[in-house]
């Protein structure tokens, strides 16, 4: 197979990249291991579009494809500026640290399918990139596995949106691996819950007892919300330390995550009023992974860049999430130890150069594995920011294919200007 742009991974970053490149006229192939696009939103079940608005004010700071999806889902008007304007079906305000909740995860899957088809993206689900061929500092081909067996594809530009920097790793790029990785989380849902004012406190106390008794190795929060229905609990509380780029350890983590989710459900059903008649709806098909490896690209975004709001001429996206580093231990009541104060930054620039891999001329990297320190990546890794980075990578990849250039030869200021024309790119007061 031969294409202009190959996108490996169909999560938030990969979806944004594939759509943006195809809309710019490139012939695009998207590979995704799951049977649907969306990544953590759909394959894990986290329903939050984190980072779309300023943590402090609720003002929308990311537009482009992220905002388009919300408009097409009927959740927000095209000219919306504040996310407080939006309500869930249960009447709850959607303002949550600058994020918006999806009403229905399966509706998002169907929307993503339709958008990919409209853009003319050749999409292959159940497809897993597994090897690269590199010649003269360029990815000559990528092999992927599917029901058809092994297939070799050549592309002018490759976008690594795997989350784990798989393509970059197999191609010999310089990588950054933290000594300690953030834990993984299995998200799950419980039906027929009768919520009361004291429910959350009693649920936390029950998990603390289970943890002390050795029945629950780790947990956080728990975060229990009724974002889908007034009698349904969506839960993010499972915490599993591990190495998600090791196949055996990732398998162990999936098993542990399911076991811990069921332990939480059974504990609440037995001990917490309101859960007596509840039932386990299900957990995400995949455990959620926060951190594995990142590239050391043309520019490494740092925590100081975020906190100081360093401006970049080649800024192609805006981040606004707080530095969200989950510890590998139990933390009752919150995702972080009580002594750690979380300081959300004001909206900040992310430069195009942080998407450009060093050592391989035709590779761009988008999503949580882009070039950033651990501190910076703990903010840039979230869903909407990843989609914005993917959108920028897609526009740049289409430029590279059209101009017969390498990724590093593309001027990030051109990418920024084109994104602005398309209604995306970094936040400005004019938005």
Protein backbone atom coordinates (compact mmCIF):
# COMPACT_ATOMS: atom_id res chain seq x y z
CA UNK A 1 0.00 0.00 0.00
CA UNK A 2 1.11 3.58 -0.64
CA UNK A 3 -0.38 6.71 0.94
CA UNK A 4 0.55 10.31 1.58
CA UNK A 5 0.01 10.10 5.33
CA UNK A 6 -0.08 7.06 7.59
CA UNK A 7 -1.58 7.61 11.05
CA UNK A 8 -0.81 4.90 13.58
CA UNK A 9 -3.34 4.96 16.40
CA UNK A 10 -6.93 6.20 16.26
CA UNK A 11 -7.27 7.74 19.71
CA UNK A 12 -7.96 11.43 20.25
CA UNK A 13 -4.65 12.47 18.64
CA UNK A 14 -4.87 9.98 15.77
CA UNK A 15 -8.49 10.84 15.01
CA UNK A 16 -7.58 14.53 14.86
CA UNK A 17 -4.54 13.82 12.69
CA UNK A 18 -6.34 11.62 10.17
CA UNK A 19 -9.26 14.01 9.76
CA UNK A 20 -7.05 17.09 9.42
CA UNK A 21 -4.69 15.50 6.88
CA UNK A 22 -7.51 14.11 4.74
CA UNK A 23 -9.41 17.38 4.77
CA UNK A 24 -6.25 19.04 3.46
CA UNK A 25 -6.33 16.74 0.46
CA UNK A 26 -3.88 14.02 1.54
CA UNK A 27 -4.46 10.33 0.90
CA UNK A 28 -4.63 8.98 4.46
CA UNK A 29 -4.58 5.53 6.06
CA UNK A 30 -5.56 5.27 9.74
CA UNK A 31 -4.68 2.15 11.74
CA UNK A 32 -6.40 1.46 15.06
CA UNK A 33 -6.21 -1.68 17.21
CA UNK A 34 -9.74 -1.28 18.62
CA UNK A 35 -12.93 -1.67 16.55
CA UNK A 36 -13.59 2.08 16.83
CA UNK A 37 -11.77 5.39 17.06
CA UNK A 38 -11.61 7.62 20.13
CA UNK A 39 -8.98 6.00 22.31
CA UNK A 40 -9.46 6.74 25.99
CA UNK A 41 -12.92 8.20 25.32
CA UNK A 42 -14.24 5.00 23.75
CA UNK A 43 -11.78 2.15 24.31
CA UNK A 44 -11.34 3.02 28.00
CA UNK A 45 -14.60 4.80 28.75
CA UNK A 46 -13.39 8.12 30.18
CA UNK A 47 -16.19 10.45 28.98
CA UNK A 48 -14.44 13.78 29.60
CA UNK A 49 -13.09 16.14 26.96
CA UNK A 50 -10.44 17.50 29.29
CA UNK A 51 -8.59 20.69 28.48
CA UNK A 52 -11.12 22.30 26.16
CA UNK A 53 -11.60 25.28 28.44
CA UNK A 54 -9.60 27.33 30.91
CA UNK A 55 -9.56 25.70 34.35
CA UNK A 56 -9.98 29.08 36.08
CA UNK A 57 -12.69 30.73 33.98
CA UNK A 58 -14.39 28.01 31.95
CA UNK A 59 -13.71 29.94 28.75
CA UNK A 60 -13.22 27.74 25.68
CA UNK A 61 -9.56 27.82 24.66
CA UNK A 62 -9.51 24.91 22.18
CA UNK A 63 -11.68 25.01 19.09
CA UNK A 64 -11.04 23.24 15.79
CA UNK A 65 -11.97 19.56 15.62
CA UNK A 66 -12.58 19.21 19.36
CA UNK A 67 -15.26 21.89 19.32
CA UNK A 68 -16.65 20.56 16.03
CA UNK A 69 -17.34 17.17 17.61
CA UNK A 70 -19.30 18.78 20.43
CA UNK A 71 -21.28 20.87 17.96
CA UNK A 72 -22.09 17.84 15.84
CA UNK A 73 -23.12 15.90 18.94
CA UNK A 74 -25.59 18.68 19.70
CA UNK A 75 -23.97 19.57 23.01
CA UNK A 76 -22.77 23.10 22.26
CA UNK A 77 -23.39 25.95 19.84
CA UNK A 78 -20.66 26.77 17.30
CA UNK A 79 -20.19 30.22 18.86
CA UNK A 80 -20.05 29.02 22.48
CA UNK A 81 -17.40 30.66 24.63
CA UNK A 82 -18.13 29.28 28.10
CA UNK A 83 -18.71 25.65 29.00
CA UNK A 84 -21.03 26.64 31.85
CA UNK A 85 -23.57 27.18 29.09
CA UNK A 86 -23.89 23.39 28.64
CA UNK A 87 -25.90 20.99 30.83
CA UNK A 88 -25.93 17.20 31.06
CA UNK A 89 -29.13 15.15 30.58
CA UNK A 90 -29.33 14.91 34.39
CA UNK A 91 -29.25 18.69 34.70
CA UNK A 92 -25.73 18.88 36.11
CA UNK A 93 -23.43 21.63 34.87
CA UNK A 94 -20.59 20.34 32.73
CA UNK A 95 -17.93 22.65 34.17
CA UNK A 96 -15.31 20.28 35.55
CA UNK A 97 -11.86 21.79 35.67
CA UNK A 98 -12.23 23.04 32.12
CA UNK A 99 -13.68 19.87 30.59
CA UNK A 100 -16.92 18.73 28.98
CA UNK A 101 -18.62 15.38 29.46
CA UNK A 102 -19.86 13.30 26.53
CA UNK A 103 -23.55 12.46 26.84
CA UNK A 104 -23.11 9.07 25.20
CA UNK A 105 -19.87 7.26 24.35
CA UNK A 106 -21.41 5.13 21.58
CA UNK A 107 -22.78 8.24 19.92
CA UNK A 108 -19.22 9.56 19.79
CA UNK A 109 -18.05 6.32 18.13
CA UNK A 110 -20.71 6.69 15.42
CA UNK A 111 -19.86 10.35 14.90
CA UNK A 112 -16.15 9.51 14.53
CA UNK A 113 -17.02 6.79 11.98
CA UNK A 114 -19.02 9.29 9.98
CA UNK A 115 -16.40 12.03 10.10
CA UNK A 116 -13.67 9.65 8.91
CA UNK A 117 -15.86 8.47 6.03
CA UNK A 118 -16.81 12.03 5.06
CA UNK A 119 -13.14 13.06 4.98
CA UNK A 120 -12.20 10.09 2.80
CA UNK A 121 -9.88 8.49 5.34
CA UNK A 122 -9.14 4.83 4.64
CA UNK A 123 -9.67 3.38 8.09
CA UNK A 124 -8.64 -0.06 9.30
CA UNK A 125 -9.82 -1.13 12.74
CA UNK A 126 -8.41 -4.29 14.33
CA UNK A 127 -5.06 -3.21 12.84
CA UNK A 128 -1.87 -2.95 14.85
CA UNK A 129 1.34 -1.36 13.56
CA UNK A 130 4.15 -3.72 14.55
CA UNK A 131 7.38 -2.88 12.68
CA UNK A 132 9.13 -0.14 10.72
CA UNK A 133 11.73 -0.12 7.97
CA UNK A 134 14.15 2.80 8.22
CA UNK A 135 16.57 3.80 5.47
CA UNK A 136 18.59 7.01 5.15
CA UNK A 137 17.03 8.45 8.32
CA UNK A 138 13.56 7.99 6.88
CA UNK A 139 10.73 5.52 7.56
CA UNK A 140 10.56 3.64 4.27
CA UNK A 141 7.62 1.46 5.33
CA UNK A 142 5.50 0.34 8.26
CA UNK A 143 4.18 -3.18 8.69
CA UNK A 144 0.90 -3.77 10.45
CA UNK A 145 -1.03 -6.86 11.46
CA UNK A 146 -4.73 -7.33 10.75
CA UNK A 147 -7.16 -10.08 9.76
CA UNK A 148 -5.49 -9.95 6.35
CA UNK A 149 -2.14 -10.92 7.89
CA UNK A 150 0.92 -8.68 7.69
CA UNK A 151 0.72 -5.70 5.34
CA UNK A 152 3.47 -3.32 4.29
CA UNK A 153 2.57 0.33 3.74
CA UNK A 154 4.70 3.17 2.42
CA UNK A 155 3.89 6.78 3.34
CA UNK A 156 5.44 10.13 2.66
CA UNK A 157 4.79 11.12 6.29
CA UNK A 158 4.05 8.90 9.28
CA UNK A 159 2.23 10.19 12.35
CA UNK A 160 2.83 8.26 15.56
CA UNK A 161 -0.35 8.62 17.60
CA UNK A 162 0.07 5.31 19.45
CA UNK A 163 0.32 7.02 22.84
CA UNK A 164 3.37 4.87 23.59
CA UNK A 165 5.67 6.24 20.84
CA UNK A 166 5.79 2.74 19.32
CA UNK A 167 6.67 3.92 15.82
CA UNK A 168 9.33 6.29 17.14
CA UNK A 169 10.83 3.54 19.30
CA UNK A 170 11.00 1.01 16.45
CA UNK A 171 12.54 3.67 14.20
CA UNK A 172 15.43 4.44 16.53
CA UNK A 173 14.32 7.88 17.73
CA UNK A 174 15.65 9.32 20.96
CA UNK A 175 13.11 8.62 23.71
CA UNK A 176 12.42 9.79 27.22
CA UNK A 177 11.34 7.19 29.77
CA UNK A 178 10.52 8.14 33.34
CA UNK A 179 11.95 5.96 36.07
CA UNK A 180 8.50 5.79 37.66
CA UNK A 181 5.38 5.67 35.49
CA UNK A 182 1.97 6.88 36.52
CA UNK A 183 -0.49 4.08 37.35
CA UNK A 184 -3.15 2.80 34.96
CA UNK A 185 -6.91 3.01 35.58
CA UNK A 186 -9.80 0.72 34.66
CA UNK A 187 -12.97 2.79 34.30
CA UNK A 188 -16.36 1.17 34.98
CA UNK A 189 -20.06 1.86 35.42
CA UNK A 190 -22.66 0.69 37.96
CA UNK A 191 -26.40 0.83 37.34
CA UNK A 192 -29.43 1.25 39.63
CA UNK A 193 -27.70 3.31 42.31
CA UNK A 194 -29.81 5.45 44.64
CA UNK A 195 -27.55 8.40 45.37
CA UNK A 196 -27.81 10.28 48.66
CA UNK A 197 -25.81 13.21 50.06
CA UNK A 198 -23.69 10.83 52.12
CA UNK A 199 -23.08 8.27 49.33
CA UNK A 200 -19.65 9.49 48.26
CA UNK A 201 -18.28 9.70 51.79
CA UNK A 202 -19.53 6.22 52.69
CA UNK A 203 -18.12 4.81 49.44
CA UNK A 204 -14.70 6.25 50.26
CA UNK A 205 -14.75 4.83 53.77
CA UNK A 206 -15.70 1.40 52.43
CA UNK A 207 -12.73 1.42 50.05
CA UNK A 208 -10.41 2.52 52.83
CA UNK A 209 -11.51 -0.53 54.85
CA UNK A 210 -11.06 -2.84 51.85
CA UNK A 211 -7.59 -1.42 51.25
CA UNK A 212 -6.61 -1.83 54.91
CA UNK A 213 -7.83 -5.44 54.83
CA UNK A 214 -5.69 -6.21 51.77
CA UNK A 215 -8.63 -6.78 49.42
CA UNK A 216 -7.85 -3.68 47.35
CA UNK A 217 -4.15 -3.02 46.59
CA UNK A 218 -4.58 0.61 45.50
CA UNK A 219 -7.33 3.11 44.77
CA UNK A 220 -7.93 6.85 44.54
CA UNK A 221 -10.94 9.06 45.27
CA UNK A 222 -13.24 7.39 44.48
CA UNK A 223 -14.62 9.56 41.72
CA UNK A 224 -18.27 8.54 41.32
CA UNK A 225 -20.45 10.67 39.11
CA UNK A 226 -23.90 10.36 37.56
CA UNK A 227 -22.99 11.97 34.25
CA UNK A 228 -24.91 9.48 32.08
CA UNK A 229 -28.03 8.95 34.19
CA UNK A 230 -29.24 9.98 37.62
CA UNK A 231 -29.25 6.37 38.84
CA UNK A 232 -25.94 5.32 37.30
CA UNK A 233 -22.47 5.62 38.78
CA UNK A 234 -19.52 6.18 36.46
CA UNK A 235 -16.39 5.37 38.45
CA UNK A 236 -12.75 6.32 38.09
CA UNK A 237 -10.99 4.96 41.15
CA UNK A 238 -8.94 1.92 40.11
CA UNK A 239 -5.18 2.38 40.33
CA UNK A 240 -2.77 -0.23 38.92
CA UNK A 241 0.99 0.44 38.80
CA UNK A 242 2.75 -1.20 35.87
CA UNK A 243 4.60 -0.96 32.59
CA UNK A 244 2.20 -0.69 29.66
CA UNK A 245 4.92 -1.16 27.02
CA UNK A 246 5.67 -4.63 28.38
CA UNK A 247 3.12 -7.10 26.97
CA UNK A 248 3.13 -9.40 29.99
CA UNK A 249 2.85 -6.58 32.50
CA UNK A 250 0.10 -4.87 30.52
CA UNK A 251 -1.84 -8.16 30.54
CA UNK A 252 -1.38 -8.41 34.32
CA UNK A 253 -2.59 -4.82 34.73
CA UNK A 254 -5.74 -5.49 32.68
CA UNK A 255 -6.55 -8.49 34.88
CA UNK A 256 -5.82 -6.58 38.09
CA UNK A 257 -7.90 -3.63 36.92
CA UNK A 258 -10.95 -5.79 36.26
CA UNK A 259 -10.52 -7.54 39.59
CA UNK A 260 -10.24 -4.27 41.50
CA UNK A 261 -13.28 -2.78 39.76
CA UNK A 262 -15.34 -5.82 40.75
CA UNK A 263 -14.00 -5.63 44.33
CA UNK A 264 -15.14 -2.01 44.57
CA UNK A 265 -18.58 -2.88 43.22
CA UNK A 266 -19.05 -5.80 45.62
CA UNK A 267 -17.78 -3.75 48.56
CA UNK A 268 -20.27 -0.96 47.91
CA UNK A 269 -23.13 -3.35 47.23
CA UNK A 270 -22.57 -4.95 50.64
CA UNK A 271 -21.67 -1.91 52.71
CA UNK A 272 -23.03 1.33 51.21
CA UNK A 273 -26.75 2.27 51.38
CA UNK A 274 -28.10 2.94 47.91
CA UNK A 275 -26.06 0.19 46.25
CA UNK A 276 -28.19 -2.73 47.51
CA UNK A 277 -29.97 -3.29 44.19
CA UNK A 278 -27.17 -2.06 41.95
CA UNK A 279 -25.59 -4.07 39.14
CA UNK A 280 -22.26 -3.97 37.34
CA UNK A 281 -22.79 -2.55 33.83
CA UNK A 282 -19.25 -3.09 32.62
CA UNK A 283 -15.69 -1.81 32.44
CA UNK A 284 -13.81 -0.32 29.52
CA UNK A 285 -12.49 -2.72 26.88
CA UNK A 286 -8.97 -1.45 27.70
CA UNK A 287 -7.32 -0.19 30.85
CA UNK A 288 -6.41 3.50 30.68
CA UNK A 289 -2.69 4.22 30.34
CA UNK A 290 -1.31 7.60 31.43
CA UNK A 291 2.41 7.32 30.83
CA UNK A 292 4.92 5.14 29.03
CA UNK A 293 7.52 6.87 26.84
CA UNK A 294 7.85 10.17 24.99
CA UNK A 295 10.07 11.38 22.19
CA UNK A 296 12.91 13.84 22.74
CA UNK A 297 11.99 15.97 19.75
CA UNK A 298 13.11 19.17 18.10
CA UNK A 299 11.87 21.00 21.21
CA UNK A 300 11.19 19.51 24.63
CA UNK A 301 8.30 21.31 26.32
CA UNK A 302 8.95 21.86 30.04
CA UNK A 303 6.91 22.52 33.13
CA UNK A 304 8.36 26.03 33.33
CA UNK A 305 7.18 26.68 29.77
CA UNK A 306 3.65 25.97 30.97
CA UNK A 307 3.78 27.89 34.23
CA UNK A 308 5.50 30.89 32.68
CA UNK A 309 3.21 30.76 29.64
CA UNK A 310 6.21 30.98 27.33
CA UNK A 311 5.08 32.17 23.89
CA UNK A 312 6.17 30.26 20.77
CA UNK A 313 6.05 31.61 17.24
CA UNK A 314 5.32 28.08 16.05
CA UNK A 315 2.56 27.46 18.62
CA UNK A 316 -0.03 25.12 17.11
CA UNK A 317 -2.20 24.27 20.12
CA UNK A 318 -3.19 25.49 23.57
CA UNK A 319 -3.04 23.46 26.77
CA UNK A 320 -4.83 24.32 30.01
CA UNK A 321 -5.00 21.19 32.17
CA UNK A 322 -3.20 21.08 35.50
CA UNK A 323 0.01 19.09 36.09
CA UNK A 324 -1.71 15.85 36.89
CA UNK A 325 0.86 13.28 38.05
CA UNK A 326 -0.87 10.32 39.69
CA UNK A 327 1.18 8.57 42.40
CA UNK A 328 1.59 4.80 42.70
CA UNK A 329 -0.18 4.57 46.03
CA UNK A 330 -3.65 4.77 47.52
CA UNK A 331 -5.02 8.30 47.99
CA UNK A 332 -8.43 8.51 49.62
CA UNK A 333 -10.65 11.45 48.74
CA UNK A 334 -8.64 12.66 45.78
CA UNK A 335 -6.35 11.58 42.95
CA UNK A 336 -3.43 13.19 44.78
CA UNK A 337 -2.06 13.21 48.34
CA UNK A 338 -3.70 15.89 50.46
CA UNK A 339 -0.38 17.64 51.06
CA UNK A 340 0.15 18.18 47.32
CA UNK A 341 -1.46 21.36 46.08
CA UNK A 342 -2.38 21.20 42.40
CA UNK A 343 -1.66 24.45 40.57
CA UNK A 344 -3.49 24.64 37.24
CA UNK A 345 -1.67 26.84 34.73
CA UNK A 346 -3.27 29.55 32.68
CA UNK A 347 -3.69 28.54 29.01
CA UNK A 348 -0.27 28.00 27.44
CA UNK A 349 1.35 27.47 24.03
CA UNK A 350 2.53 24.14 22.63
CA UNK A 351 5.05 24.47 19.77
CA UNK A 352 5.04 22.55 16.51
CA UNK A 353 8.65 21.50 17.19
CA UNK A 354 7.45 19.32 20.07
CA UNK A 355 5.76 17.10 17.45
CA UNK A 356 8.89 16.72 15.33
CA UNK A 357 10.98 13.60 15.98
CA UNK A 358 14.75 13.84 15.79
CA UNK A 359 16.68 11.37 13.67
CA UNK A 360 13.79 10.40 11.36
CA UNK A 361 12.87 12.92 8.68
CA UNK A 362 9.28 11.91 7.92
CA UNK A 363 7.89 11.25 11.39
CA UNK A 364 5.55 13.42 13.47
CA UNK A 365 4.39 12.44 16.95
CA UNK A 366 1.10 13.60 18.46
CA UNK A 367 -0.68 12.93 21.74
CA UNK A 368 0.76 12.03 25.12
CA UNK A 369 4.02 10.75 23.59
CA UNK A 370 4.99 14.10 22.03
CA UNK A 371 8.22 15.81 23.14
CA UNK A 372 7.74 17.04 26.71
CA UNK A 373 9.17 16.51 30.17
CA UNK A 374 7.21 14.33 32.56
CA UNK A 375 5.90 17.41 34.34
CA UNK A 376 4.72 19.11 31.15
CA UNK A 377 3.28 15.90 29.68
CA UNK A 378 1.15 15.39 32.79
CA UNK A 379 -0.84 18.38 31.49
CA UNK A 380 -0.59 17.95 27.70
CA UNK A 381 -1.60 14.26 27.78
CA UNK A 382 -5.34 14.88 28.21
CA UNK A 383 -8.00 14.24 25.58
CA UNK A 384 -8.71 17.62 23.97
CA UNK A 385 -5.07 18.71 24.02
CA UNK A 386 -4.12 15.44 22.32
CA UNK A 387 -6.78 15.99 19.65
CA UNK A 388 -5.47 19.51 19.01
CA UNK A 389 -1.90 18.19 18.68
CA UNK A 390 -3.16 15.55 16.25
CA UNK A 391 -5.00 18.16 14.20
CA UNK A 392 -1.78 20.17 13.90
CA UNK A 393 0.23 17.08 12.96
CA UNK A 394 -2.32 16.21 10.28
CA UNK A 395 -2.17 19.65 8.71
CA UNK A 396 1.65 19.60 8.78
CA UNK A 397 1.80 16.08 7.30
CA UNK A 398 -0.45 17.11 4.42
CA UNK A 399 1.82 20.11 3.80
CA UNK A 400 4.89 17.87 3.82
CA UNK A 401 3.34 15.48 1.30
CA UNK A 402 2.17 18.29 -0.95
CA UNK A 403 5.53 20.13 -0.82
CA UNK A 404 7.67 16.95 -0.94
CA UNK A 405 9.39 17.93 2.31
CA UNK A 406 10.31 16.30 5.59
CA UNK A 407 8.42 17.02 8.79
CA UNK A 408 11.22 19.16 10.23
CA UNK A 409 11.34 21.24 7.04
CA UNK A 410 7.78 22.43 7.54
CA UNK A 411 7.66 25.86 9.15
CA UNK A 412 5.51 25.66 12.26
CA UNK A 413 4.38 29.23 11.65
CA UNK A 414 2.76 28.05 8.40
CA UNK A 415 0.99 25.28 10.27
CA UNK A 416 -0.23 27.78 12.84
CA UNK A 417 -1.52 30.11 10.12
CA UNK A 418 -3.36 27.30 8.34
CA UNK A 419 -4.95 26.07 11.57
CA UNK A 420 -6.14 29.59 12.22
CA UNK A 421 -7.79 29.66 8.79
CA UNK A 422 -9.52 26.39 9.67
CA UNK A 423 -10.83 27.76 12.98
CA UNK A 424 -8.36 25.88 15.19
CA UNK A 425 -4.83 26.35 16.43
CA UNK A 426 -3.68 28.11 19.60
CA UNK A 427 -6.04 30.25 21.65
CA UNK A 428 -6.16 33.97 20.98
CA UNK A 429 -8.34 36.64 22.54
CA UNK A 430 -10.07 36.92 19.18
CA UNK A 431 -11.59 33.50 19.79
